[in-house]
Amino acid sequence: MCRLSGNSPPIGIIDYGAGNLRSIANALRVCGAATRFVSKPCGLEAVSGVVLPGVGSFGYAVASLAANGLDAALVEWAGARPLLGICLGLQLMFPASAESPGQKGLGILDGTVVRLIQSRARKVPNMGWDPVVVERTCLLGEPGDRPYCYFAHSYVCVPAEDIVEAWAGHGATRFAASVRKGLVQGVQFHPEKGGPAGLAFLRRFVAVCGEVPCRW
């Protein structure tokens, strides 16, 4: 088993030319993990888990992953060891997004990605701290917990199967804040932005990475 220690394999952070990589790396280090930026498939060797961050557009991100062969590598990775998609990183794991019609996503999770509905009360993009309602025991907490998490997004995922662990709201719209299928985890919020809930979530993800059997 891969136990966390000074010699434990690092957690890989996917670098496709966009995203707040350093803030993610710093937050993971605070949570006790070594990290490695990964820009090529070979960088996925001997890591205990992978974080797919997301800042920017769906189409640009998918094209950048494909240019370096990381799209196929992440699809192969999914299910073998822990994979965490953050914000756009979560959306990239779906087959398609309304943000970039005709552009194929990774297809790791079934469903689609749609734009948030704007109203007088709630503008788009949705930015700031909002409560998240935990529906199932997960890395965020227990059913009924309502941790505050930081959001910055205009699109949300609509899973085709029942994989939602926690929900958040934007006006009258309820959307998936956290999903999980096996070792594939995705969150619409930014845990690396700090706050007790975000760091607690990352600490638990780091612990999961340290408990999954290694292949090397």
N, C-alpha and C. Protein backbone atom coordinates (compact mmCIF):
# COMPACT_ATOMS: atom_id res chain seq x y z
N MET A 1 0.85 -1.19 0.00
CA MET A 1 0.00 0.00 0.00
C MET A 1 0.89 1.24 0.00
N CYS A 2 0.40 2.32 -0.62
CA CYS A 2 1.14 3.59 -0.65
C CYS A 2 0.74 4.41 0.56
N ARG A 3 1.54 4.41 1.59
CA ARG A 3 1.24 5.20 2.77
C ARG A 3 1.94 6.55 2.68
N LEU A 4 1.27 7.58 3.21
CA LEU A 4 1.88 8.91 3.18
C LEU A 4 3.06 8.95 4.13
N SER A 5 4.18 9.41 3.60
CA SER A 5 5.38 9.58 4.40
C SER A 5 6.29 10.51 3.64
N GLY A 6 7.47 10.76 4.20
CA GLY A 6 8.41 11.63 3.53
C GLY A 6 8.84 11.09 2.19
N ASN A 7 8.74 9.78 1.99
CA ASN A 7 9.15 9.16 0.74
C ASN A 7 7.96 8.73 -0.12
N SER A 8 6.75 9.17 0.22
CA SER A 8 5.57 8.77 -0.53
C SER A 8 5.59 9.37 -1.92
N PRO A 9 5.02 8.68 -2.90
CA PRO A 9 4.91 9.24 -4.26
C PRO A 9 4.13 10.55 -4.23
N PRO A 10 4.48 11.49 -5.08
CA PRO A 10 3.77 12.77 -5.10
C PRO A 10 2.40 12.64 -5.74
N ILE A 11 1.59 13.66 -5.56
CA ILE A 11 0.34 13.81 -6.28
C ILE A 11 0.62 14.66 -7.51
N GLY A 12 0.23 14.16 -8.69
CA GLY A 12 0.47 14.89 -9.92
C GLY A 12 -0.60 15.93 -10.17
N ILE A 13 -0.19 17.13 -10.59
CA ILE A 13 -1.10 18.22 -10.94
C ILE A 13 -0.96 18.47 -12.43
N ILE A 14 -2.02 18.27 -13.19
CA ILE A 14 -1.95 18.38 -14.65
C ILE A 14 -1.74 19.83 -15.07
N ASP A 15 -0.70 20.04 -15.87
CA ASP A 15 -0.35 21.37 -16.37
C ASP A 15 -0.59 21.40 -17.87
N TYR A 16 -1.68 22.04 -18.30
CA TYR A 16 -1.97 22.16 -19.73
C TYR A 16 -1.92 23.61 -20.20
N GLY A 17 -1.19 24.43 -19.44
CA GLY A 17 -0.96 25.81 -19.85
C GLY A 17 -1.96 26.80 -19.30
N ALA A 18 -2.83 26.37 -18.43
CA ALA A 18 -3.80 27.28 -17.81
C ALA A 18 -4.19 26.72 -16.47
N GLY A 19 -4.55 27.59 -15.56
CA GLY A 19 -5.01 27.11 -14.26
C GLY A 19 -4.16 27.64 -13.12
N ASN A 20 -4.73 27.59 -11.94
CA ASN A 20 -4.07 28.09 -10.74
C ASN A 20 -3.26 26.96 -10.11
N LEU A 21 -2.22 26.53 -10.82
CA LEU A 21 -1.46 25.35 -10.38
C LEU A 21 -0.77 25.56 -9.04
N ARG A 22 -0.18 26.72 -8.87
CA ARG A 22 0.61 26.94 -7.65
C ARG A 22 -0.27 26.97 -6.41
N SER A 23 -1.46 27.54 -6.51
CA SER A 23 -2.32 27.56 -5.33
C SER A 23 -2.78 26.15 -4.97
N ILE A 24 -3.00 25.31 -5.99
CA ILE A 24 -3.36 23.92 -5.73
C ILE A 24 -2.19 23.18 -5.09
N ALA A 25 -1.00 23.39 -5.64
CA ALA A 25 0.20 22.73 -5.09
C ALA A 25 0.43 23.16 -3.65
N ASN A 26 0.29 24.46 -3.38
CA ASN A 26 0.51 24.95 -2.02
C ASN A 26 -0.51 24.37 -1.04
N ALA A 27 -1.77 24.29 -1.48
CA ALA A 27 -2.80 23.73 -0.59
C ALA A 27 -2.55 22.26 -0.31
N LEU A 28 -2.14 21.50 -1.33
CA LEU A 28 -1.85 20.08 -1.12
C LEU A 28 -0.65 19.89 -0.19
N ARG A 29 0.33 20.75 -0.31
CA ARG A 29 1.49 20.65 0.57
C ARG A 29 1.11 20.95 2.01
N VAL A 30 0.23 21.93 2.20
CA VAL A 30 -0.28 22.22 3.55
C VAL A 30 -0.97 20.98 4.12
N CYS A 31 -1.58 20.20 3.23
CA CYS A 31 -2.30 18.99 3.64
C CYS A 31 -1.39 17.77 3.73
N GLY A 32 -0.09 17.96 3.57
CA GLY A 32 0.86 16.88 3.81
C GLY A 32 1.33 16.11 2.60
N ALA A 33 1.03 16.60 1.38
CA ALA A 33 1.38 15.86 0.17
C ALA A 33 2.53 16.52 -0.57
N ALA A 34 3.40 15.70 -1.14
CA ALA A 34 4.36 16.18 -2.13
C ALA A 34 3.61 16.29 -3.46
N THR A 35 4.04 17.20 -4.34
CA THR A 35 3.34 17.41 -5.61
C THR A 35 4.32 17.42 -6.77
N ARG A 36 3.76 17.20 -7.96
CA ARG A 36 4.55 17.24 -9.19
C ARG A 36 3.65 17.80 -10.30
N PHE A 37 4.15 18.79 -11.05
CA PHE A 37 3.42 19.27 -12.21
C PHE A 37 3.64 18.30 -13.37
N VAL A 38 2.55 17.93 -14.04
CA VAL A 38 2.59 16.93 -15.10
C VAL A 38 2.12 17.55 -16.41
N SER A 39 3.00 17.59 -17.42
CA SER A 39 2.63 18.14 -18.72
C SER A 39 2.73 17.10 -19.83
N LYS A 40 3.20 15.89 -19.51
CA LYS A 40 3.31 14.80 -20.48
C LYS A 40 2.86 13.50 -19.82
N PRO A 41 2.40 12.53 -20.60
CA PRO A 41 1.94 11.27 -20.01
C PRO A 41 2.98 10.59 -19.13
N CYS A 42 4.26 10.70 -19.49
CA CYS A 42 5.29 10.04 -18.68
C CYS A 42 5.34 10.60 -17.27
N GLY A 43 4.85 11.82 -17.07
CA GLY A 43 4.85 12.40 -15.73
C GLY A 43 3.87 11.75 -14.79
N LEU A 44 2.98 10.91 -15.34
CA LEU A 44 2.01 10.21 -14.51
C LEU A 44 2.58 8.95 -13.87
N GLU A 45 3.80 8.61 -14.24
CA GLU A 45 4.42 7.42 -13.65
C GLU A 45 4.77 7.67 -12.18
N ALA A 46 4.46 6.71 -11.35
CA ALA A 46 4.83 6.74 -9.93
C ALA A 46 4.28 7.94 -9.19
N VAL A 47 3.03 8.32 -9.48
CA VAL A 47 2.33 9.29 -8.65
C VAL A 47 1.18 8.57 -7.95
N SER A 48 0.82 9.08 -6.80
CA SER A 48 -0.21 8.39 -6.00
C SER A 48 -1.61 8.83 -6.35
N GLY A 49 -1.74 9.95 -7.02
CA GLY A 49 -3.04 10.48 -7.41
C GLY A 49 -2.83 11.63 -8.38
N VAL A 50 -3.91 12.09 -8.99
CA VAL A 50 -3.81 13.15 -9.99
C VAL A 50 -4.91 14.18 -9.74
N VAL A 51 -4.54 15.46 -9.88
CA VAL A 51 -5.50 16.55 -9.82
C VAL A 51 -5.55 17.19 -11.21
N LEU A 52 -6.77 17.31 -11.74
CA LEU A 52 -6.99 17.99 -13.02
C LEU A 52 -7.64 19.33 -12.71
N PRO A 53 -6.86 20.42 -12.72
CA PRO A 53 -7.41 21.73 -12.39
C PRO A 53 -8.16 22.32 -13.57
N GLY A 54 -8.76 23.45 -13.37
CA GLY A 54 -9.50 24.04 -14.47
C GLY A 54 -9.72 25.53 -14.33
N VAL A 55 -9.12 26.29 -15.22
CA VAL A 55 -9.40 27.72 -15.37
C VAL A 55 -9.36 28.00 -16.85
N GLY A 56 -10.40 28.65 -17.39
CA GLY A 56 -10.42 28.92 -18.83
C GLY A 56 -11.60 28.25 -19.49
N SER A 57 -11.48 27.98 -20.79
CA SER A 57 -12.60 27.43 -21.55
C SER A 57 -12.45 25.93 -21.77
N PHE A 58 -13.58 25.26 -21.93
CA PHE A 58 -13.63 23.82 -22.15
C PHE A 58 -12.85 23.44 -23.41
N GLY A 59 -13.11 24.13 -24.52
CA GLY A 59 -12.47 23.79 -25.79
C GLY A 59 -10.97 23.93 -25.76
N TYR A 60 -10.48 25.05 -25.19
CA TYR A 60 -9.03 25.27 -25.11
C TYR A 60 -8.38 24.20 -24.25
N ALA A 61 -9.01 23.89 -23.12
CA ALA A 61 -8.42 22.92 -22.19
C ALA A 61 -8.32 21.54 -22.82
N VAL A 62 -9.40 21.08 -23.48
CA VAL A 62 -9.38 19.75 -24.10
C VAL A 62 -8.33 19.69 -25.21
N ALA A 63 -8.26 20.75 -26.02
CA ALA A 63 -7.28 20.79 -27.11
C ALA A 63 -5.85 20.77 -26.56
N SER A 64 -5.63 21.47 -25.46
CA SER A 64 -4.29 21.51 -24.86
C SER A 64 -3.91 20.14 -24.29
N LEU A 65 -4.84 19.46 -23.66
CA LEU A 65 -4.58 18.12 -23.16
C LEU A 65 -4.25 17.17 -24.30
N ALA A 66 -5.02 17.27 -25.39
CA ALA A 66 -4.81 16.38 -26.54
C ALA A 66 -3.46 16.64 -27.20
N ALA A 67 -3.04 17.89 -27.24
CA ALA A 67 -1.78 18.23 -27.91
C ALA A 67 -0.59 17.55 -27.25
N ASN A 68 -0.70 17.26 -25.97
CA ASN A 68 0.39 16.62 -25.24
C ASN A 68 0.11 15.16 -24.93
N GLY A 69 -0.98 14.62 -25.47
CA GLY A 69 -1.30 13.22 -25.23
C GLY A 69 -1.86 12.93 -23.86
N LEU A 70 -2.22 13.99 -23.14
CA LEU A 70 -2.71 13.79 -21.78
C LEU A 70 -4.18 13.37 -21.75
N ASP A 71 -4.91 13.63 -22.84
CA ASP A 71 -6.31 13.23 -22.86
C ASP A 71 -6.45 11.72 -22.76
N ALA A 72 -5.76 11.00 -23.63
CA ALA A 72 -5.82 9.54 -23.60
C ALA A 72 -5.22 8.99 -22.32
N ALA A 73 -4.16 9.62 -21.83
CA ALA A 73 -3.51 9.14 -20.60
C ALA A 73 -4.44 9.26 -19.40
N LEU A 74 -5.21 10.34 -19.33
CA LEU A 74 -6.12 10.53 -18.21
C LEU A 74 -7.29 9.55 -18.28
N VAL A 75 -7.77 9.26 -19.48
CA VAL A 75 -8.83 8.27 -19.64
C VAL A 75 -8.34 6.90 -19.16
N GLU A 76 -7.11 6.57 -19.51
CA GLU A 76 -6.53 5.29 -19.08
C GLU A 76 -6.32 5.28 -17.57
N TRP A 77 -5.91 6.41 -17.04
CA TRP A 77 -5.65 6.53 -15.60
C TRP A 77 -6.93 6.34 -14.78
N ALA A 78 -8.04 6.92 -15.26
CA ALA A 78 -9.27 6.98 -14.48
C ALA A 78 -9.68 5.58 -14.00
N GLY A 79 -9.87 5.47 -12.71
CA GLY A 79 -10.28 4.20 -12.12
C GLY A 79 -9.13 3.39 -11.56
N ALA A 80 -7.90 3.69 -12.02
CA ALA A 80 -6.75 2.94 -11.53
C ALA A 80 -6.21 3.52 -10.24
N ARG A 81 -6.16 4.84 -10.18
CA ARG A 81 -5.72 5.56 -8.99
C ARG A 81 -6.58 6.82 -8.85
N PRO A 82 -6.57 7.48 -7.70
CA PRO A 82 -7.47 8.62 -7.49
C PRO A 82 -7.24 9.75 -8.50
N LEU A 83 -8.34 10.27 -9.03
CA LEU A 83 -8.33 11.38 -9.97
C LEU A 83 -9.34 12.41 -9.48
N LEU A 84 -8.89 13.65 -9.28
CA LEU A 84 -9.74 14.73 -8.80
C LEU A 84 -9.79 15.84 -9.84
N GLY A 85 -11.00 16.14 -10.33
CA GLY A 85 -11.21 17.27 -11.22
C GLY A 85 -11.79 18.45 -10.46
N ILE A 86 -11.18 19.62 -10.62
CA ILE A 86 -11.61 20.82 -9.91
C ILE A 86 -12.20 21.83 -10.89
N CYS A 87 -13.44 22.25 -10.67
CA CYS A 87 -14.14 23.26 -11.46
C CYS A 87 -14.18 22.85 -12.94
N LEU A 88 -13.49 23.56 -13.83
CA LEU A 88 -13.44 23.14 -15.23
C LEU A 88 -12.86 21.73 -15.35
N GLY A 89 -11.96 21.37 -14.45
CA GLY A 89 -11.39 20.03 -14.47
C GLY A 89 -12.45 18.96 -14.32
N LEU A 90 -13.47 19.23 -13.49
CA LEU A 90 -14.62 18.33 -13.40
C LEU A 90 -15.37 18.28 -14.72
N GLN A 91 -15.64 19.44 -15.30
CA GLN A 91 -16.40 19.51 -16.55
C GLN A 91 -15.68 18.79 -17.69
N LEU A 92 -14.36 18.85 -17.70
CA LEU A 92 -13.59 18.19 -18.76
C LEU A 92 -13.78 16.68 -18.76
N MET A 93 -14.19 16.11 -17.65
CA MET A 93 -14.35 14.67 -17.56
C MET A 93 -15.63 14.18 -18.22
N PHE A 94 -16.48 15.11 -18.70
CA PHE A 94 -17.71 14.74 -19.38
C PHE A 94 -17.50 14.74 -20.90
N PRO A 95 -18.39 14.10 -21.66
CA PRO A 95 -18.19 13.99 -23.11
C PRO A 95 -18.32 15.29 -23.87
N ALA A 96 -19.09 16.27 -23.34
CA ALA A 96 -19.35 17.48 -24.10
C ALA A 96 -19.75 18.61 -23.16
N SER A 97 -19.66 19.85 -23.68
CA SER A 97 -20.06 21.02 -22.91
C SER A 97 -20.71 22.04 -23.83
N ALA A 98 -21.74 22.70 -23.33
CA ALA A 98 -22.40 23.77 -24.09
C ALA A 98 -21.45 24.94 -24.32
N GLU A 99 -20.37 25.00 -23.56
CA GLU A 99 -19.42 26.10 -23.74
C GLU A 99 -18.67 25.98 -25.06
N SER A 100 -18.42 24.76 -25.52
CA SER A 100 -17.66 24.52 -26.75
C SER A 100 -18.35 23.45 -27.58
N PRO A 101 -19.43 23.81 -28.28
CA PRO A 101 -20.17 22.83 -29.07
C PRO A 101 -19.28 22.16 -30.11
N GLY A 102 -19.41 20.84 -30.22
CA GLY A 102 -18.63 20.08 -31.19
C GLY A 102 -17.29 19.60 -30.67
N GLN A 103 -16.86 20.12 -29.53
CA GLN A 103 -15.59 19.70 -28.95
C GLN A 103 -15.83 18.55 -27.99
N LYS A 104 -15.15 17.43 -28.19
CA LYS A 104 -15.32 16.27 -27.34
C LYS A 104 -14.51 16.40 -26.06
N GLY A 105 -15.16 16.08 -24.95
CA GLY A 105 -14.46 16.02 -23.67
C GLY A 105 -13.82 14.66 -23.47
N LEU A 106 -13.36 14.41 -22.25
CA LEU A 106 -12.65 13.16 -21.97
C LEU A 106 -13.60 11.96 -21.92
N GLY A 107 -14.84 12.18 -21.56
CA GLY A 107 -15.81 11.08 -21.52
C GLY A 107 -15.58 10.09 -20.40
N ILE A 108 -14.91 10.51 -19.35
CA ILE A 108 -14.68 9.63 -18.21
C ILE A 108 -15.98 9.43 -17.42
N LEU A 109 -16.80 10.48 -17.36
CA LEU A 109 -18.10 10.41 -16.71
C LEU A 109 -19.19 10.64 -17.75
N ASP A 110 -20.35 10.02 -17.54
CA ASP A 110 -21.47 10.18 -18.47
C ASP A 110 -22.31 11.39 -18.09
N GLY A 111 -22.76 12.12 -19.11
CA GLY A 111 -23.59 13.29 -18.87
C GLY A 111 -23.18 14.43 -19.78
N THR A 112 -23.46 15.64 -19.35
CA THR A 112 -23.09 16.81 -20.16
C THR A 112 -22.84 18.00 -19.26
N VAL A 113 -22.51 19.13 -19.86
CA VAL A 113 -22.22 20.36 -19.12
C VAL A 113 -23.07 21.47 -19.73
N VAL A 114 -23.80 22.20 -18.89
CA VAL A 114 -24.70 23.25 -19.37
C VAL A 114 -24.37 24.58 -18.70
N ARG A 115 -24.83 25.67 -19.32
CA ARG A 115 -24.59 27.00 -18.76
C ARG A 115 -25.58 27.29 -17.64
N LEU A 116 -25.10 27.97 -16.61
CA LEU A 116 -25.99 28.42 -15.54
C LEU A 116 -27.00 29.42 -16.08
N ILE A 117 -28.17 29.45 -15.47
CA ILE A 117 -29.20 30.40 -15.85
C ILE A 117 -29.04 31.68 -15.04
N GLN A 118 -28.97 32.80 -15.73
CA GLN A 118 -28.82 34.09 -15.05
C GLN A 118 -30.18 34.65 -14.69
N SER A 119 -30.25 35.30 -13.54
CA SER A 119 -31.48 35.95 -13.10
C SER A 119 -31.13 37.30 -12.49
N ARG A 120 -32.14 38.06 -12.14
CA ARG A 120 -31.88 39.35 -11.50
C ARG A 120 -31.16 39.17 -10.16
N ALA A 121 -31.51 38.08 -9.50
CA ALA A 121 -30.94 37.83 -8.17
C ALA A 121 -29.55 37.22 -8.25
N ARG A 122 -29.29 36.39 -9.27
CA ARG A 122 -28.02 35.68 -9.36
C ARG A 122 -27.42 35.85 -10.74
N LYS A 123 -26.28 36.50 -10.79
CA LYS A 123 -25.60 36.75 -12.05
C LYS A 123 -24.72 35.57 -12.44
N VAL A 124 -24.29 35.58 -13.69
CA VAL A 124 -23.35 34.59 -14.22
C VAL A 124 -22.15 35.38 -14.76
N PRO A 125 -20.91 35.01 -14.39
CA PRO A 125 -20.54 33.81 -13.62
C PRO A 125 -20.93 33.89 -12.15
N ASN A 126 -21.07 32.71 -11.57
CA ASN A 126 -21.33 32.57 -10.15
C ASN A 126 -19.99 32.62 -9.42
N MET A 127 -19.79 33.63 -8.60
CA MET A 127 -18.51 33.79 -7.91
C MET A 127 -18.73 34.12 -6.45
N GLY A 128 -18.01 33.42 -5.59
CA GLY A 128 -18.08 33.70 -4.16
C GLY A 128 -18.35 32.45 -3.34
N TRP A 129 -18.59 32.68 -2.05
CA TRP A 129 -18.80 31.59 -1.10
C TRP A 129 -20.27 31.24 -1.01
N ASP A 130 -20.57 29.95 -1.13
CA ASP A 130 -21.95 29.47 -1.04
C ASP A 130 -21.99 28.18 -0.23
N PRO A 131 -23.11 27.92 0.43
CA PRO A 131 -23.24 26.65 1.17
C PRO A 131 -23.41 25.49 0.21
N VAL A 132 -22.86 24.36 0.59
CA VAL A 132 -23.00 23.12 -0.16
C VAL A 132 -23.72 22.12 0.74
N VAL A 133 -24.74 21.48 0.22
CA VAL A 133 -25.52 20.52 1.01
C VAL A 133 -25.02 19.12 0.71
N VAL A 134 -24.44 18.48 1.71
CA VAL A 134 -23.92 17.11 1.55
C VAL A 134 -25.08 16.12 1.61
N GLU A 135 -25.17 15.27 0.59
CA GLU A 135 -26.25 14.29 0.51
C GLU A 135 -25.81 12.89 0.93
N ARG A 136 -24.52 12.59 0.69
CA ARG A 136 -23.97 11.28 1.03
C ARG A 136 -22.65 11.48 1.76
N THR A 137 -22.27 10.50 2.56
CA THR A 137 -20.96 10.54 3.19
C THR A 137 -19.89 10.63 2.11
N CYS A 138 -19.03 11.64 2.21
CA CYS A 138 -18.03 11.87 1.17
C CYS A 138 -16.87 12.66 1.75
N LEU A 139 -15.96 13.09 0.90
CA LEU A 139 -14.79 13.82 1.37
C LEU A 139 -15.15 15.18 1.95
N LEU A 140 -16.35 15.68 1.65
CA LEU A 140 -16.81 16.97 2.19
C LEU A 140 -17.41 16.83 3.58
N GLY A 141 -17.93 15.65 3.91
CA GLY A 141 -18.54 15.49 5.21
C GLY A 141 -19.63 14.45 5.22
N GLU A 142 -20.59 14.62 6.13
CA GLU A 142 -21.68 13.68 6.33
C GLU A 142 -23.00 14.27 5.84
N PRO A 143 -23.99 13.40 5.54
CA PRO A 143 -25.29 13.90 5.10
C PRO A 143 -25.86 14.96 6.04
N GLY A 144 -26.31 16.06 5.43
CA GLY A 144 -26.86 17.16 6.22
C GLY A 144 -25.87 18.26 6.51
N ASP A 145 -24.58 17.99 6.38
CA ASP A 145 -23.57 19.05 6.55
C ASP A 145 -23.76 20.12 5.48
N ARG A 146 -23.44 21.36 5.82
CA ARG A 146 -23.57 22.48 4.89
C ARG A 146 -22.31 23.35 4.90
N PRO A 147 -21.18 22.80 4.47
CA PRO A 147 -19.94 23.59 4.46
C PRO A 147 -20.01 24.70 3.41
N TYR A 148 -19.32 25.80 3.67
CA TYR A 148 -19.23 26.89 2.70
C TYR A 148 -18.00 26.66 1.82
N CYS A 149 -18.20 26.77 0.50
CA CYS A 149 -17.13 26.54 -0.46
C CYS A 149 -17.08 27.70 -1.45
N TYR A 150 -15.92 27.86 -2.08
CA TYR A 150 -15.74 28.99 -3.01
C TYR A 150 -15.97 28.55 -4.45
N PHE A 151 -16.84 29.28 -5.15
CA PHE A 151 -17.18 28.97 -6.54
C PHE A 151 -16.76 30.11 -7.47
N ALA A 152 -16.40 29.75 -8.70
CA ALA A 152 -16.11 30.72 -9.76
C ALA A 152 -16.35 30.02 -11.09
N HIS A 153 -17.60 30.08 -11.60
CA HIS A 153 -17.94 29.29 -12.78
C HIS A 153 -19.18 29.82 -13.46
N SER A 154 -19.33 29.47 -14.74
CA SER A 154 -20.52 29.81 -15.52
C SER A 154 -21.26 28.58 -16.00
N TYR A 155 -20.62 27.41 -15.90
CA TYR A 155 -21.19 26.16 -16.38
C TYR A 155 -21.20 25.13 -15.27
N VAL A 156 -22.11 24.17 -15.38
CA VAL A 156 -22.24 23.12 -14.38
C VAL A 156 -22.45 21.78 -15.07
N CYS A 157 -22.07 20.71 -14.40
CA CYS A 157 -22.23 19.38 -14.99
C CYS A 157 -23.59 18.80 -14.64
N VAL A 158 -24.12 18.00 -15.57
CA VAL A 158 -25.38 17.28 -15.37
C VAL A 158 -25.09 15.80 -15.59
N PRO A 159 -24.75 15.07 -14.54
CA PRO A 159 -24.41 13.65 -14.69
C PRO A 159 -25.60 12.84 -15.19
N ALA A 160 -25.30 11.82 -15.99
CA ALA A 160 -26.35 10.95 -16.53
C ALA A 160 -26.70 9.83 -15.57
N GLU A 161 -25.94 9.70 -14.48
CA GLU A 161 -26.24 8.66 -13.49
C GLU A 161 -26.12 9.25 -12.10
N ASP A 162 -26.51 8.48 -11.13
CA ASP A 162 -26.61 8.98 -9.76
C ASP A 162 -25.24 8.93 -9.08
N ILE A 163 -24.42 9.95 -9.33
CA ILE A 163 -23.09 9.99 -8.74
C ILE A 163 -22.87 11.26 -7.92
N VAL A 164 -23.92 12.05 -7.72
CA VAL A 164 -23.79 13.32 -7.00
C VAL A 164 -23.75 13.07 -5.50
N GLU A 165 -22.74 13.65 -4.85
CA GLU A 165 -22.59 13.51 -3.39
C GLU A 165 -23.07 14.75 -2.64
N ALA A 166 -22.98 15.92 -3.30
CA ALA A 166 -23.34 17.17 -2.65
C ALA A 166 -23.86 18.15 -3.70
N TRP A 167 -24.78 19.02 -3.27
CA TRP A 167 -25.43 19.97 -4.18
C TRP A 167 -25.19 21.40 -3.71
N ALA A 168 -25.25 22.32 -4.66
CA ALA A 168 -25.23 23.74 -4.35
C ALA A 168 -26.31 24.41 -5.19
N GLY A 169 -26.58 25.69 -4.93
CA GLY A 169 -27.65 26.37 -5.65
C GLY A 169 -27.20 27.69 -6.24
N HIS A 170 -27.85 28.05 -7.34
CA HIS A 170 -27.65 29.36 -7.99
C HIS A 170 -29.03 29.87 -8.35
N GLY A 171 -29.59 30.72 -7.49
CA GLY A 171 -30.97 31.12 -7.67
C GLY A 171 -31.87 29.90 -7.51
N ALA A 172 -32.71 29.66 -8.52
CA ALA A 172 -33.62 28.52 -8.47
C ALA A 172 -32.97 27.25 -9.01
N THR A 173 -31.73 27.35 -9.47
CA THR A 173 -31.05 26.20 -10.07
C THR A 173 -30.24 25.44 -9.03
N ARG A 174 -30.47 24.15 -8.92
CA ARG A 174 -29.64 23.29 -8.08
C ARG A 174 -28.65 22.57 -8.99
N PHE A 175 -27.39 22.55 -8.58
CA PHE A 175 -26.38 21.90 -9.42
C PHE A 175 -25.45 21.04 -8.58
N ALA A 176 -24.79 20.11 -9.25
CA ALA A 176 -23.88 19.19 -8.58
C ALA A 176 -22.62 19.92 -8.13
N ALA A 177 -22.35 19.88 -6.84
CA ALA A 177 -21.14 20.51 -6.30
C ALA A 177 -20.02 19.50 -6.13
N SER A 178 -20.37 18.23 -5.93
CA SER A 178 -19.38 17.17 -5.77
C SER A 178 -19.94 15.88 -6.33
N VAL A 179 -19.14 15.19 -7.14
CA VAL A 179 -19.55 13.89 -7.70
C VAL A 179 -18.41 12.89 -7.49
N ARG A 180 -18.77 11.62 -7.47
CA ARG A 180 -17.75 10.58 -7.37
C ARG A 180 -18.23 9.31 -8.04
N LYS A 181 -17.34 8.69 -8.78
CA LYS A 181 -17.59 7.37 -9.35
C LYS A 181 -16.32 6.56 -9.19
N GLY A 182 -16.34 5.64 -8.24
CA GLY A 182 -15.14 4.88 -7.93
C GLY A 182 -14.04 5.80 -7.43
N LEU A 183 -12.89 5.76 -8.06
CA LEU A 183 -11.77 6.61 -7.67
C LEU A 183 -11.75 7.94 -8.41
N VAL A 184 -12.77 8.20 -9.21
CA VAL A 184 -12.88 9.47 -9.93
C VAL A 184 -13.74 10.43 -9.12
N GLN A 185 -13.16 11.54 -8.72
CA GLN A 185 -13.83 12.54 -7.88
C GLN A 185 -13.81 13.87 -8.61
N GLY A 186 -14.90 14.61 -8.53
CA GLY A 186 -14.94 15.94 -9.14
C GLY A 186 -15.72 16.91 -8.29
N VAL A 187 -15.24 18.16 -8.22
CA VAL A 187 -15.94 19.20 -7.47
C VAL A 187 -16.04 20.45 -8.32
N GLN A 188 -17.18 21.15 -8.21
CA GLN A 188 -17.37 22.38 -8.96
C GLN A 188 -16.74 23.57 -8.24
N PHE A 189 -16.52 23.45 -6.96
CA PHE A 189 -15.91 24.54 -6.18
C PHE A 189 -14.39 24.43 -6.22
N HIS A 190 -13.74 25.41 -5.60
CA HIS A 190 -12.27 25.46 -5.56
C HIS A 190 -11.79 25.21 -4.13
N PRO A 191 -11.47 23.96 -3.78
CA PRO A 191 -11.01 23.69 -2.41
C PRO A 191 -9.68 24.36 -2.09
N GLU A 192 -8.88 24.62 -3.12
CA GLU A 192 -7.56 25.23 -2.91
C GLU A 192 -7.64 26.70 -2.53
N LYS A 193 -8.83 27.31 -2.64
CA LYS A 193 -8.97 28.72 -2.30
C LYS A 193 -8.92 28.95 -0.80
N GLY A 194 -8.86 27.86 -0.05
CA GLY A 194 -8.74 27.98 1.40
C GLY A 194 -10.06 27.77 2.09
N GLY A 195 -10.10 28.15 3.35
CA GLY A 195 -11.29 27.91 4.14
C GLY A 195 -11.24 26.53 4.75
N PRO A 196 -11.85 26.35 5.90
CA PRO A 196 -11.79 25.06 6.59
C PRO A 196 -12.33 23.91 5.76
N ALA A 197 -13.45 24.11 5.05
CA ALA A 197 -14.06 23.01 4.30
C ALA A 197 -13.17 22.57 3.14
N GLY A 198 -12.60 23.53 2.43
CA GLY A 198 -11.76 23.20 1.29
C GLY A 198 -10.51 22.44 1.69
N LEU A 199 -9.85 22.90 2.74
CA LEU A 199 -8.64 22.22 3.18
C LEU A 199 -8.95 20.86 3.79
N ALA A 200 -10.06 20.74 4.49
CA ALA A 200 -10.47 19.43 5.03
C ALA A 200 -10.73 18.45 3.89
N PHE A 201 -11.37 18.93 2.83
CA PHE A 201 -11.62 18.09 1.66
C PHE A 201 -10.30 17.60 1.07
N LEU A 202 -9.34 18.51 0.89
CA LEU A 202 -8.06 18.13 0.29
C LEU A 202 -7.28 17.17 1.18
N ARG A 203 -7.35 17.37 2.50
CA ARG A 203 -6.67 16.44 3.41
C ARG A 203 -7.21 15.02 3.24
N ARG A 204 -8.52 14.91 3.07
CA ARG A 204 -9.12 13.59 2.89
C ARG A 204 -8.75 13.01 1.53
N PHE A 205 -8.66 13.86 0.50
CA PHE A 205 -8.23 13.36 -0.80
C PHE A 205 -6.78 12.87 -0.72
N VAL A 206 -5.92 13.60 -0.05
CA VAL A 206 -4.53 13.18 0.13
C VAL A 206 -4.48 11.84 0.84
N ALA A 207 -5.33 11.65 1.86
CA ALA A 207 -5.36 10.38 2.58
C ALA A 207 -5.79 9.25 1.66
N VAL A 208 -6.78 9.49 0.79
CA VAL A 208 -7.22 8.47 -0.16
C VAL A 208 -6.07 8.08 -1.08
N CYS A 209 -5.32 9.08 -1.56
CA CYS A 209 -4.17 8.80 -2.43
C CYS A 209 -3.13 7.93 -1.73
N GLY A 210 -3.02 8.07 -0.43
CA GLY A 210 -2.05 7.30 0.31
C GLY A 210 -2.50 5.90 0.67
N GLU A 211 -3.77 5.58 0.40
CA GLU A 211 -4.31 4.27 0.80
C GLU A 211 -4.57 3.33 -0.38
N VAL A 212 -4.53 3.85 -1.60
CA VAL A 212 -4.83 3.04 -2.77
C VAL A 212 -3.60 2.20 -3.14
N PRO A 213 -3.76 0.91 -3.39
CA PRO A 213 -2.62 0.06 -3.77
C PRO A 213 -1.91 0.60 -5.00
N CYS A 214 -0.59 0.56 -4.96
CA CYS A 214 0.22 1.04 -6.08
C CYS A 214 0.50 -0.07 -7.09
N ARG A 215 0.87 0.32 -8.30
CA ARG A 215 1.17 -0.64 -9.34
C ARG A 215 2.69 -0.78 -9.55
N TRP A 216 3.49 0.03 -8.85
CA TRP A 216 4.93 -0.05 -9.12
C TRP A 216 5.66 -0.75 -7.99
